[in-house]
mmCIF file of all heavy atoms, coordinates in Angstrom:
data_MODEL
# 
_entry.id   MODEL 
# 
loop_
_atom_site.group_PDB 
_atom_site.id 
_atom_site.type_symbol 
_atom_site.label_atom_id 
_atom_site.label_alt_id 
_atom_site.label_comp_id 
_atom_site.label_asym_id 
_atom_site.label_entity_id 
_atom_site.label_seq_id 
_atom_site.pdbx_PDB_ins_code 
_atom_site.Cartn_x 
_atom_site.Cartn_y 
_atom_site.Cartn_z 
_atom_site.occupancy 
_atom_site.B_iso_or_equiv 
_atom_site.pdbx_formal_charge 
_atom_site.auth_seq_id 
_atom_site.auth_comp_id 
_atom_site.auth_asym_id 
_atom_site.auth_atom_id 
_atom_site.pdbx_PDB_model_num 
ATOM 1   N N   . ASN A 1 1  ? 14.586  -8.020  -15.965 1.00 0.00 ? 1  ASN A N   1 
ATOM 2   C CA  . ASN A 1 1  ? 13.972  -9.095  -15.188 1.00 0.00 ? 1  ASN A CA  1 
ATOM 3   C C   . ASN A 1 1  ? 13.168  -8.584  -13.998 1.00 0.00 ? 1  ASN A C   1 
ATOM 4   O O   . ASN A 1 1  ? 12.881  -9.326  -13.060 1.00 0.00 ? 1  ASN A O   1 
ATOM 5   C CB  . ASN A 1 1  ? 15.040  -10.082 -14.699 1.00 0.00 ? 1  ASN A CB  1 
ATOM 6   C CG  . ASN A 1 1  ? 16.131  -9.405  -13.877 1.00 0.00 ? 1  ASN A CG  1 
ATOM 7   O OD1 . ASN A 1 1  ? 16.364  -8.212  -14.010 1.00 0.00 ? 1  ASN A OD1 1 
ATOM 8   N ND2 . ASN A 1 1  ? 16.792  -10.181 -13.027 1.00 0.00 ? 1  ASN A ND2 1 
ATOM 9   N N   . VAL A 1 2  ? 12.788  -7.299  -14.020 1.00 0.00 ? 2  VAL A N   1 
ATOM 10  C CA  . VAL A 1 2  ? 12.047  -6.682  -12.911 1.00 0.00 ? 2  VAL A CA  1 
ATOM 11  C C   . VAL A 1 2  ? 10.692  -6.177  -13.408 1.00 0.00 ? 2  VAL A C   1 
ATOM 12  O O   . VAL A 1 2  ? 10.606  -5.491  -14.429 1.00 0.00 ? 2  VAL A O   1 
ATOM 13  C CB  . VAL A 1 2  ? 12.839  -5.512  -12.295 1.00 0.00 ? 2  VAL A CB  1 
ATOM 14  C CG1 . VAL A 1 2  ? 12.011  -4.811  -11.213 1.00 0.00 ? 2  VAL A CG1 1 
ATOM 15  C CG2 . VAL A 1 2  ? 14.154  -6.003  -11.715 1.00 0.00 ? 2  VAL A CG2 1 
ATOM 16  N N   . SER A 1 3  ? 9.647   -6.534  -12.677 1.00 0.00 ? 3  SER A N   1 
ATOM 17  C CA  . SER A 1 3  ? 8.322   -5.965  -12.941 1.00 0.00 ? 3  SER A CA  1 
ATOM 18  C C   . SER A 1 3  ? 7.830   -5.290  -11.666 1.00 0.00 ? 3  SER A C   1 
ATOM 19  O O   . SER A 1 3  ? 8.277   -5.618  -10.564 1.00 0.00 ? 3  SER A O   1 
ATOM 20  C CB  . SER A 1 3  ? 7.331   -7.056  -13.378 1.00 0.00 ? 3  SER A CB  1 
ATOM 21  O OG  . SER A 1 3  ? 7.180   -8.028  -12.348 1.00 0.00 ? 3  SER A OG  1 
ATOM 22  N N   . TYR A 1 4  ? 6.918   -4.344  -11.833 1.00 0.00 ? 4  TYR A N   1 
ATOM 23  C CA  . TYR A 1 4  ? 6.402   -3.582  -10.697 1.00 0.00 ? 4  TYR A CA  1 
ATOM 24  C C   . TYR A 1 4  ? 4.917   -3.863  -10.528 1.00 0.00 ? 4  TYR A C   1 
ATOM 25  O O   . TYR A 1 4  ? 4.162   -3.889  -11.500 1.00 0.00 ? 4  TYR A O   1 
ATOM 26  C CB  . TYR A 1 4  ? 6.643   -2.087  -10.899 1.00 0.00 ? 4  TYR A CB  1 
ATOM 27  C CG  . TYR A 1 4  ? 8.117   -1.743  -11.005 1.00 0.00 ? 4  TYR A CG  1 
ATOM 28  C CD1 . TYR A 1 4  ? 8.720   -1.578  -12.257 1.00 0.00 ? 4  TYR A CD1 1 
ATOM 29  C CD2 . TYR A 1 4  ? 8.904   -1.603  -9.872  1.00 0.00 ? 4  TYR A CD2 1 
ATOM 30  C CE1 . TYR A 1 4  ? 10.069  -1.277  -12.372 1.00 0.00 ? 4  TYR A CE1 1 
ATOM 31  C CE2 . TYR A 1 4  ? 10.256  -1.309  -9.975  1.00 0.00 ? 4  TYR A CE2 1 
ATOM 32  C CZ  . TYR A 1 4  ? 10.836  -1.145  -11.219 1.00 0.00 ? 4  TYR A CZ  1 
ATOM 33  O OH  . TYR A 1 4  ? 12.175  -0.862  -11.323 1.00 0.00 ? 4  TYR A OH  1 
ATOM 34  N N   . CYS A 1 5  ? 4.527   -4.059  -9.294  1.00 0.00 ? 5  CYS A N   1 
ATOM 35  C CA  . CYS A 1 5  ? 3.129   -4.363  -8.973  1.00 0.00 ? 5  CYS A CA  1 
ATOM 36  C C   . CYS A 1 5  ? 2.597   -3.256  -8.073  1.00 0.00 ? 5  CYS A C   1 
ATOM 37  O O   . CYS A 1 5  ? 3.086   -3.064  -6.952  1.00 0.00 ? 5  CYS A O   1 
ATOM 38  C CB  . CYS A 1 5  ? 3.038   -5.720  -8.272  1.00 0.00 ? 5  CYS A CB  1 
ATOM 39  S SG  . CYS A 1 5  ? 1.356   -6.178  -7.782  1.00 0.00 ? 5  CYS A SG  1 
ATOM 40  N N   . SER A 1 6  ? 1.617   -2.516  -8.572  1.00 0.00 ? 6  SER A N   1 
ATOM 41  C CA  . SER A 1 6  ? 1.043   -1.415  -7.812  1.00 0.00 ? 6  SER A CA  1 
ATOM 42  C C   . SER A 1 6  ? 0.013   -1.941  -6.812  1.00 0.00 ? 6  SER A C   1 
ATOM 43  O O   . SER A 1 6  ? -0.868  -2.721  -7.168  1.00 0.00 ? 6  SER A O   1 
ATOM 44  C CB  . SER A 1 6  ? 0.387   -0.413  -8.764  1.00 0.00 ? 6  SER A CB  1 
ATOM 45  O OG  . SER A 1 6  ? -0.287  0.583   -8.039  1.00 0.00 ? 6  SER A OG  1 
ATOM 46  N N   . ILE A 1 7  ? 0.149   -1.532  -5.568  1.00 0.00 ? 7  ILE A N   1 
ATOM 47  C CA  . ILE A 1 7  ? -0.802  -1.914  -4.519  1.00 0.00 ? 7  ILE A CA  1 
ATOM 48  C C   . ILE A 1 7  ? -1.884  -0.846  -4.464  1.00 0.00 ? 7  ILE A C   1 
ATOM 49  O O   . ILE A 1 7  ? -1.712  0.220   -3.862  1.00 0.00 ? 7  ILE A O   1 
ATOM 50  C CB  . ILE A 1 7  ? -0.109  -2.032  -3.142  1.00 0.00 ? 7  ILE A CB  1 
ATOM 51  C CG1 . ILE A 1 7  ? 1.021   -3.048  -3.187  1.00 0.00 ? 7  ILE A CG1 1 
ATOM 52  C CG2 . ILE A 1 7  ? -1.128  -2.365  -2.060  1.00 0.00 ? 7  ILE A CG2 1 
ATOM 53  C CD1 . ILE A 1 7  ? 0.587   -4.474  -3.373  1.00 0.00 ? 7  ILE A CD1 1 
ATOM 54  N N   . ASP A 1 8  ? -3.003  -1.097  -5.131  1.00 0.00 ? 8  ASP A N   1 
ATOM 55  C CA  . ASP A 1 8  ? -4.096  -0.132  -5.148  1.00 0.00 ? 8  ASP A CA  1 
ATOM 56  C C   . ASP A 1 8  ? -4.872  -0.214  -3.846  1.00 0.00 ? 8  ASP A C   1 
ATOM 57  O O   . ASP A 1 8  ? -5.328  -1.282  -3.440  1.00 0.00 ? 8  ASP A O   1 
ATOM 58  C CB  . ASP A 1 8  ? -5.034  -0.421  -6.326  1.00 0.00 ? 8  ASP A CB  1 
ATOM 59  C CG  . ASP A 1 8  ? -4.330  -0.254  -7.659  1.00 0.00 ? 8  ASP A CG  1 
ATOM 60  O OD1 . ASP A 1 8  ? -3.573  0.712   -7.796  1.00 0.00 ? 8  ASP A OD1 1 
ATOM 61  O OD2 . ASP A 1 8  ? -4.533  -1.122  -8.543  1.00 0.00 ? 8  ASP A OD2 1 
ATOM 62  N N   . LYS A 1 9  ? -5.011  0.930   -3.210  1.00 0.00 ? 9  LYS A N   1 
ATOM 63  C CA  . LYS A 1 9  ? -5.690  0.961   -1.912  1.00 0.00 ? 9  LYS A CA  1 
ATOM 64  C C   . LYS A 1 9  ? -6.273  2.347   -1.695  1.00 0.00 ? 9  LYS A C   1 
ATOM 65  O O   . LYS A 1 9  ? -5.979  3.295   -2.415  1.00 0.00 ? 9  LYS A O   1 
ATOM 66  C CB  . LYS A 1 9  ? -4.717  0.618   -0.793  1.00 0.00 ? 9  LYS A CB  1 
ATOM 67  C CG  . LYS A 1 9  ? -3.519  1.537   -0.711  1.00 0.00 ? 9  LYS A CG  1 
ATOM 68  C CD  . LYS A 1 9  ? -2.538  1.074   0.328   1.00 0.00 ? 9  LYS A CD  1 
ATOM 69  C CE  . LYS A 1 9  ? -1.373  2.039   0.440   1.00 0.00 ? 9  LYS A CE  1 
ATOM 70  N NZ  . LYS A 1 9  ? -1.791  3.413   0.720   1.00 0.00 ? 9  LYS A NZ  1 
ATOM 71  N N   . LYS A 1 10 ? -7.085  2.461   -0.650  1.00 0.00 ? 10 LYS A N   1 
ATOM 72  C CA  . LYS A 1 10 ? -7.649  3.759   -0.297  1.00 0.00 ? 10 LYS A CA  1 
ATOM 73  C C   . LYS A 1 10 ? -6.562  4.647   0.295   1.00 0.00 ? 10 LYS A C   1 
ATOM 74  O O   . LYS A 1 10 ? -5.668  4.164   0.990   1.00 0.00 ? 10 LYS A O   1 
ATOM 75  C CB  . LYS A 1 10 ? -8.774  3.577   0.726   1.00 0.00 ? 10 LYS A CB  1 
ATOM 76  C CG  . LYS A 1 10 ? -9.954  2.770   0.222   1.00 0.00 ? 10 LYS A CG  1 
ATOM 77  C CD  . LYS A 1 10 ? -10.973 2.583   1.317   1.00 0.00 ? 10 LYS A CD  1 
ATOM 78  C CE  . LYS A 1 10 ? -12.148 1.738   0.834   1.00 0.00 ? 10 LYS A CE  1 
ATOM 79  N NZ  . LYS A 1 10 ? -13.126 1.494   1.921   1.00 0.00 ? 10 LYS A NZ  1 
ATOM 80  N N   . HIS A 1 11 ? -6.662  5.938   0.003   1.00 0.00 ? 11 HIS A N   1 
ATOM 81  C CA  . HIS A 1 11 ? -5.701  6.877   0.585   1.00 0.00 ? 11 HIS A CA  1 
ATOM 82  C C   . HIS A 1 11 ? -6.134  7.202   2.005   1.00 0.00 ? 11 HIS A C   1 
ATOM 83  O O   . HIS A 1 11 ? -7.274  7.575   2.248   1.00 0.00 ? 11 HIS A O   1 
ATOM 84  C CB  . HIS A 1 11 ? -5.635  8.159   -0.243  1.00 0.00 ? 11 HIS A CB  1 
ATOM 85  C CG  . HIS A 1 11 ? -4.735  9.195   0.367   1.00 0.00 ? 11 HIS A CG  1 
ATOM 86  N ND1 . HIS A 1 11 ? -3.361  9.064   0.377   1.00 0.00 ? 11 HIS A ND1 1 
ATOM 87  C CD2 . HIS A 1 11 ? -5.024  10.346  1.020   1.00 0.00 ? 11 HIS A CD2 1 
ATOM 88  C CE1 . HIS A 1 11 ? -2.830  10.099  0.989   1.00 0.00 ? 11 HIS A CE1 1 
ATOM 89  N NE2 . HIS A 1 11 ? -3.821  10.894  1.389   1.00 0.00 ? 11 HIS A NE2 1 
ATOM 90  N N   . ARG A 1 12 ? -5.232  7.056   2.947   1.00 0.00 ? 12 ARG A N   1 
ATOM 91  C CA  . ARG A 1 12 ? -5.519  7.373   4.342   1.00 0.00 ? 12 ARG A CA  1 
ATOM 92  C C   . ARG A 1 12 ? -4.611  8.497   4.806   1.00 0.00 ? 12 ARG A C   1 
ATOM 93  O O   . ARG A 1 12 ? -3.498  8.656   4.323   1.00 0.00 ? 12 ARG A O   1 
ATOM 94  C CB  . ARG A 1 12 ? -5.330  6.134   5.218   1.00 0.00 ? 12 ARG A CB  1 
ATOM 95  C CG  . ARG A 1 12 ? -6.267  4.989   4.850   1.00 0.00 ? 12 ARG A CG  1 
ATOM 96  C CD  . ARG A 1 12 ? -6.012  3.770   5.720   1.00 0.00 ? 12 ARG A CD  1 
ATOM 97  N NE  . ARG A 1 12 ? -6.839  2.640   5.333   1.00 0.00 ? 12 ARG A NE  1 
ATOM 98  C CZ  . ARG A 1 12 ? -8.050  2.412   5.798   1.00 0.00 ? 12 ARG A CZ  1 
ATOM 99  N NH1 . ARG A 1 12 ? -8.589  3.253   6.658   1.00 0.00 ? 12 ARG A NH1 1 
ATOM 100 N NH2 . ARG A 1 12 ? -8.747  1.357   5.411   1.00 0.00 ? 12 ARG A NH2 1 
ATOM 101 N N   . THR A 1 13 ? -5.101  9.260   5.766   1.00 0.00 ? 13 THR A N   1 
ATOM 102 C CA  . THR A 1 13 ? -4.325  10.395  6.248   1.00 0.00 ? 13 THR A CA  1 
ATOM 103 C C   . THR A 1 13 ? -3.295  9.976   7.284   1.00 0.00 ? 13 THR A C   1 
ATOM 104 O O   . THR A 1 13 ? -2.339  10.698  7.534   1.00 0.00 ? 13 THR A O   1 
ATOM 105 C CB  . THR A 1 13 ? -5.257  11.450  6.871   1.00 0.00 ? 13 THR A CB  1 
ATOM 106 O OG1 . THR A 1 13 ? -6.043  10.833  7.903   1.00 0.00 ? 13 THR A OG1 1 
ATOM 107 C CG2 . THR A 1 13 ? -6.192  12.030  5.820   1.00 0.00 ? 13 THR A CG2 1 
ATOM 108 N N   . ASN A 1 14 ? -3.464  8.806   7.885   1.00 0.00 ? 14 ASN A N   1 
ATOM 109 C CA  . ASN A 1 14 ? -2.532  8.354   8.910   1.00 0.00 ? 14 ASN A CA  1 
ATOM 110 C C   . ASN A 1 14 ? -1.532  7.377   8.296   1.00 0.00 ? 14 ASN A C   1 
ATOM 111 O O   . ASN A 1 14 ? -1.914  6.372   7.696   1.00 0.00 ? 14 ASN A O   1 
ATOM 112 C CB  . ASN A 1 14 ? -3.304  7.673   10.062  1.00 0.00 ? 14 ASN A CB  1 
ATOM 113 C CG  . ASN A 1 14 ? -2.403  7.338   11.224  1.00 0.00 ? 14 ASN A CG  1 
ATOM 114 O OD1 . ASN A 1 14 ? -1.541  6.464   11.127  1.00 0.00 ? 14 ASN A OD1 1 
ATOM 115 N ND2 . ASN A 1 14 ? -2.600  8.024   12.341  1.00 0.00 ? 14 ASN A ND2 1 
ATOM 116 N N   . ASP A 1 15 ? -0.238  7.658   8.447   1.00 0.00 ? 15 ASP A N   1 
ATOM 117 C CA  . ASP A 1 15 ? 0.802   6.840   7.826   1.00 0.00 ? 15 ASP A CA  1 
ATOM 118 C C   . ASP A 1 15 ? 0.771   5.399   8.320   1.00 0.00 ? 15 ASP A C   1 
ATOM 119 O O   . ASP A 1 15 ? 1.081   4.475   7.564   1.00 0.00 ? 15 ASP A O   1 
ATOM 120 C CB  . ASP A 1 15 ? 2.177   7.443   8.108   1.00 0.00 ? 15 ASP A CB  1 
ATOM 121 C CG  . ASP A 1 15 ? 2.405   8.725   7.327   1.00 0.00 ? 15 ASP A CG  1 
ATOM 122 O OD1 . ASP A 1 15 ? 1.660   8.953   6.360   1.00 0.00 ? 15 ASP A OD1 1 
ATOM 123 O OD2 . ASP A 1 15 ? 3.308   9.493   7.698   1.00 0.00 ? 15 ASP A OD2 1 
ATOM 124 N N   . ILE A 1 16 ? 0.429   5.197   9.590   1.00 0.00 ? 16 ILE A N   1 
ATOM 125 C CA  . ILE A 1 16 ? 0.417   3.840   10.145  1.00 0.00 ? 16 ILE A CA  1 
ATOM 126 C C   . ILE A 1 16 ? -0.686  3.010   9.504   1.00 0.00 ? 16 ILE A C   1 
ATOM 127 O O   . ILE A 1 16 ? -0.458  1.865   9.091   1.00 0.00 ? 16 ILE A O   1 
ATOM 128 C CB  . ILE A 1 16 ? 0.243   3.874   11.677  1.00 0.00 ? 16 ILE A CB  1 
ATOM 129 C CG1 . ILE A 1 16 ? 1.380   4.672   12.322  1.00 0.00 ? 16 ILE A CG1 1 
ATOM 130 C CG2 . ILE A 1 16 ? 0.214   2.455   12.233  1.00 0.00 ? 16 ILE A CG2 1 
ATOM 131 C CD1 . ILE A 1 16 ? 2.768   4.152   12.025  1.00 0.00 ? 16 ILE A CD1 1 
ATOM 132 N N   . TYR A 1 17 ? -1.897  3.567   9.388   1.00 0.00 ? 17 TYR A N   1 
ATOM 133 C CA  . TYR A 1 17 ? -2.973  2.856   8.695   1.00 0.00 ? 17 TYR A CA  1 
ATOM 134 C C   . TYR A 1 17 ? -2.560  2.567   7.252   1.00 0.00 ? 17 TYR A C   1 
ATOM 135 O O   . TYR A 1 17 ? -2.848  1.507   6.702   1.00 0.00 ? 17 TYR A O   1 
ATOM 136 C CB  . TYR A 1 17 ? -4.261  3.681   8.710   1.00 0.00 ? 17 TYR A CB  1 
ATOM 137 C CG  . TYR A 1 17 ? -4.940  3.760   10.050  1.00 0.00 ? 17 TYR A CG  1 
ATOM 138 C CD1 . TYR A 1 17 ? -5.384  4.980   10.549  1.00 0.00 ? 17 TYR A CD1 1 
ATOM 139 C CD2 . TYR A 1 17 ? -5.162  2.625   10.811  1.00 0.00 ? 17 TYR A CD2 1 
ATOM 140 C CE1 . TYR A 1 17 ? -6.023  5.066   11.781  1.00 0.00 ? 17 TYR A CE1 1 
ATOM 141 C CE2 . TYR A 1 17 ? -5.793  2.691   12.039  1.00 0.00 ? 17 TYR A CE2 1 
ATOM 142 C CZ  . TYR A 1 17 ? -6.221  3.918   12.519  1.00 0.00 ? 17 TYR A CZ  1 
ATOM 143 O OH  . TYR A 1 17 ? -6.838  3.993   13.734  1.00 0.00 ? 17 TYR A OH  1 
ATOM 144 N N   . ASP A 1 18 ? -1.890  3.529   6.643   1.00 0.00 ? 18 ASP A N   1 
ATOM 145 C CA  . ASP A 1 18 ? -1.476  3.419   5.241   1.00 0.00 ? 18 ASP A CA  1 
ATOM 146 C C   . ASP A 1 18 ? -0.530  2.230   5.039   1.00 0.00 ? 18 ASP A C   1 
ATOM 147 O O   . ASP A 1 18 ? -0.717  1.400   4.145   1.00 0.00 ? 18 ASP A O   1 
ATOM 148 C CB  . ASP A 1 18 ? -0.781  4.718   4.827   1.00 0.00 ? 18 ASP A CB  1 
ATOM 149 C CG  . ASP A 1 18 ? -1.014  5.053   3.370   1.00 0.00 ? 18 ASP A CG  1 
ATOM 150 O OD1 . ASP A 1 18 ? -2.031  4.598   2.808   1.00 0.00 ? 18 ASP A OD1 1 
ATOM 151 O OD2 . ASP A 1 18 ? -0.187  5.768   2.798   1.00 0.00 ? 18 ASP A OD2 1 
ATOM 152 N N   . ILE A 1 19 ? 0.496   2.138   5.872   1.00 0.00 ? 19 ILE A N   1 
ATOM 153 C CA  . ILE A 1 19 ? 1.475   1.067   5.704   1.00 0.00 ? 19 ILE A CA  1 
ATOM 154 C C   . ILE A 1 19 ? 0.906   -0.288  6.106   1.00 0.00 ? 19 ILE A C   1 
ATOM 155 O O   . ILE A 1 19 ? 1.218   -1.312  5.492   1.00 0.00 ? 19 ILE A O   1 
ATOM 156 C CB  . ILE A 1 19 ? 2.780   1.377   6.487   1.00 0.00 ? 19 ILE A CB  1 
ATOM 157 C CG1 . ILE A 1 19 ? 3.900   0.433   6.014   1.00 0.00 ? 19 ILE A CG1 1 
ATOM 158 C CG2 . ILE A 1 19 ? 2.580   1.275   7.989   1.00 0.00 ? 19 ILE A CG2 1 
ATOM 159 C CD1 . ILE A 1 19 ? 5.276   0.834   6.528   1.00 0.00 ? 19 ILE A CD1 1 
ATOM 160 N N   . LEU A 1 20 ? 0.014   -0.309  7.107   1.00 0.00 ? 20 LEU A N   1 
ATOM 161 C CA  . LEU A 1 20 ? -0.620  -1.577  7.493   1.00 0.00 ? 20 LEU A CA  1 
ATOM 162 C C   . LEU A 1 20 ? -1.474  -2.119  6.361   1.00 0.00 ? 20 LEU A C   1 
ATOM 163 O O   . LEU A 1 20 ? -1.444  -3.320  6.053   1.00 0.00 ? 20 LEU A O   1 
ATOM 164 C CB  . LEU A 1 20 ? -1.465  -1.385  8.755   1.00 0.00 ? 20 LEU A CB  1 
ATOM 165 C CG  . LEU A 1 20 ? -0.710  -1.338  10.078  1.00 0.00 ? 20 LEU A CG  1 
ATOM 166 C CD1 . LEU A 1 20 ? -1.645  -0.912  11.210  1.00 0.00 ? 20 LEU A CD1 1 
ATOM 167 C CD2 . LEU A 1 20 ? -0.081  -2.689  10.403  1.00 0.00 ? 20 LEU A CD2 1 
ATOM 168 N N   . GLU A 1 21 ? -2.224  -1.237  5.716   1.00 0.00 ? 21 GLU A N   1 
ATOM 169 C CA  . GLU A 1 21 ? -3.060  -1.675  4.589   1.00 0.00 ? 21 GLU A CA  1 
ATOM 170 C C   . GLU A 1 21 ? -2.177  -2.137  3.431   1.00 0.00 ? 21 GLU A C   1 
ATOM 171 O O   . GLU A 1 21 ? -2.462  -3.149  2.786   1.00 0.00 ? 21 GLU A O   1 
ATOM 172 C CB  . GLU A 1 21 ? -3.969  -0.541  4.148   1.00 0.00 ? 21 GLU A CB  1 
ATOM 173 C CG  . GLU A 1 21 ? -4.952  -0.969  3.054   1.00 0.00 ? 21 GLU A CG  1 
ATOM 174 C CD  . GLU A 1 21 ? -5.887  0.144   2.636   1.00 0.00 ? 21 GLU A CD  1 
ATOM 175 O OE1 . GLU A 1 21 ? -5.580  1.319   2.914   1.00 0.00 ? 21 GLU A OE1 1 
ATOM 176 O OE2 . GLU A 1 21 ? -6.915  -0.157  2.018   1.00 0.00 ? 21 GLU A OE2 1 
ATOM 177 N N   . PHE A 1 22 ? -1.108  -1.396  3.163   1.00 0.00 ? 22 PHE A N   1 
ATOM 178 C CA  . PHE A 1 22 ? -0.171  -1.770  2.100   1.00 0.00 ? 22 PHE A CA  1 
ATOM 179 C C   . PHE A 1 22 ? 0.385   -3.169  2.350   1.00 0.00 ? 22 PHE A C   1 
ATOM 180 O O   . PHE A 1 22 ? 0.418   -4.015  1.449   1.00 0.00 ? 22 PHE A O   1 
ATOM 181 C CB  . PHE A 1 22 ? 0.964   -0.748  2.048   1.00 0.00 ? 22 PHE A CB  1 
ATOM 182 C CG  . PHE A 1 22 ? 2.065   -1.094  1.087   1.00 0.00 ? 22 PHE A CG  1 
ATOM 183 C CD1 . PHE A 1 22 ? 1.978   -0.755  -0.253  1.00 0.00 ? 22 PHE A CD1 1 
ATOM 184 C CD2 . PHE A 1 22 ? 3.207   -1.752  1.527   1.00 0.00 ? 22 PHE A CD2 1 
ATOM 185 C CE1 . PHE A 1 22 ? 3.000   -1.068  -1.141  1.00 0.00 ? 22 PHE A CE1 1 
ATOM 186 C CE2 . PHE A 1 22 ? 4.239   -2.069  0.652   1.00 0.00 ? 22 PHE A CE2 1 
ATOM 187 C CZ  . PHE A 1 22 ? 4.138   -1.729  -0.679  1.00 0.00 ? 22 PHE A CZ  1 
ATOM 188 N N   . GLU A 1 23 ? 0.843   -3.434  3.574   1.00 0.00 ? 23 GLU A N   1 
ATOM 189 C CA  . GLU A 1 23 ? 1.447   -4.727  3.890   1.00 0.00 ? 23 GLU A CA  1 
ATOM 190 C C   . GLU A 1 23 ? 0.418   -5.856  3.852   1.00 0.00 ? 23 GLU A C   1 
ATOM 191 O O   . GLU A 1 23 ? 0.742   -6.986  3.469   1.00 0.00 ? 23 GLU A O   1 
ATOM 192 C CB  . GLU A 1 23 ? 2.123   -4.662  5.254   1.00 0.00 ? 23 GLU A CB  1 
ATOM 193 C CG  . GLU A 1 23 ? 3.367   -3.773  5.244   1.00 0.00 ? 23 GLU A CG  1 
ATOM 194 C CD  . GLU A 1 23 ? 4.014   -3.607  6.598   1.00 0.00 ? 23 GLU A CD  1 
ATOM 195 O OE1 . GLU A 1 23 ? 3.409   -4.034  7.606   1.00 0.00 ? 23 GLU A OE1 1 
ATOM 196 O OE2 . GLU A 1 23 ? 5.124   -3.063  6.664   1.00 0.00 ? 23 GLU A OE2 1 
ATOM 197 N N   . PHE A 1 24 ? -0.824  -5.556  4.232   1.00 0.00 ? 24 PHE A N   1 
ATOM 198 C CA  . PHE A 1 24 ? -1.878  -6.567  4.184   1.00 0.00 ? 24 PHE A CA  1 
ATOM 199 C C   . PHE A 1 24 ? -2.168  -6.981  2.741   1.00 0.00 ? 24 PHE A C   1 
ATOM 200 O O   . PHE A 1 24 ? -2.225  -8.170  2.415   1.00 0.00 ? 24 PHE A O   1 
ATOM 201 C CB  . PHE A 1 24 ? -3.147  -6.017  4.843   1.00 0.00 ? 24 PHE A CB  1 
ATOM 202 C CG  . PHE A 1 24 ? -4.317  -6.962  4.799   1.00 0.00 ? 24 PHE A CG  1 
ATOM 203 C CD1 . PHE A 1 24 ? -4.368  -8.061  5.637   1.00 0.00 ? 24 PHE A CD1 1 
ATOM 204 C CD2 . PHE A 1 24 ? -5.360  -6.753  3.906   1.00 0.00 ? 24 PHE A CD2 1 
ATOM 205 C CE1 . PHE A 1 24 ? -5.445  -8.945  5.588   1.00 0.00 ? 24 PHE A CE1 1 
ATOM 206 C CE2 . PHE A 1 24 ? -6.426  -7.628  3.846   1.00 0.00 ? 24 PHE A CE2 1 
ATOM 207 C CZ  . PHE A 1 24 ? -6.476  -8.734  4.694   1.00 0.00 ? 24 PHE A CZ  1 
ATOM 208 N N   . ILE A 1 25 ? -2.299  -5.986  1.858   1.00 0.00 ? 25 ILE A N   1 
ATOM 209 C CA  . ILE A 1 25 ? -2.565  -6.276  0.448   1.00 0.00 ? 25 ILE A CA  1 
ATOM 210 C C   . ILE A 1 25 ? -1.354  -6.937  -0.199  1.00 0.00 ? 25 ILE A C   1 
ATOM 211 O O   . ILE A 1 25 ? -1.474  -7.865  -1.007  1.00 0.00 ? 25 ILE A O   1 
ATOM 212 C CB  . ILE A 1 25 ? -2.968  -4.992  -0.308  1.00 0.00 ? 25 ILE A CB  1 
ATOM 213 C CG1 . ILE A 1 25 ? -4.249  -4.410  0.276   1.00 0.00 ? 25 ILE A CG1 1 
ATOM 214 C CG2 . ILE A 1 25 ? -3.160  -5.278  -1.797  1.00 0.00 ? 25 ILE A CG2 1 
ATOM 215 C CD1 . ILE A 1 25 ? -4.620  -3.048  -0.279  1.00 0.00 ? 25 ILE A CD1 1 
# 
């Protein structure tokens, strides 16, 4: 009963930008 959804985004070098973009998408 579990499916996985990949959050496709640009790769960033800064972890904070990375997680903010992930959470926005």
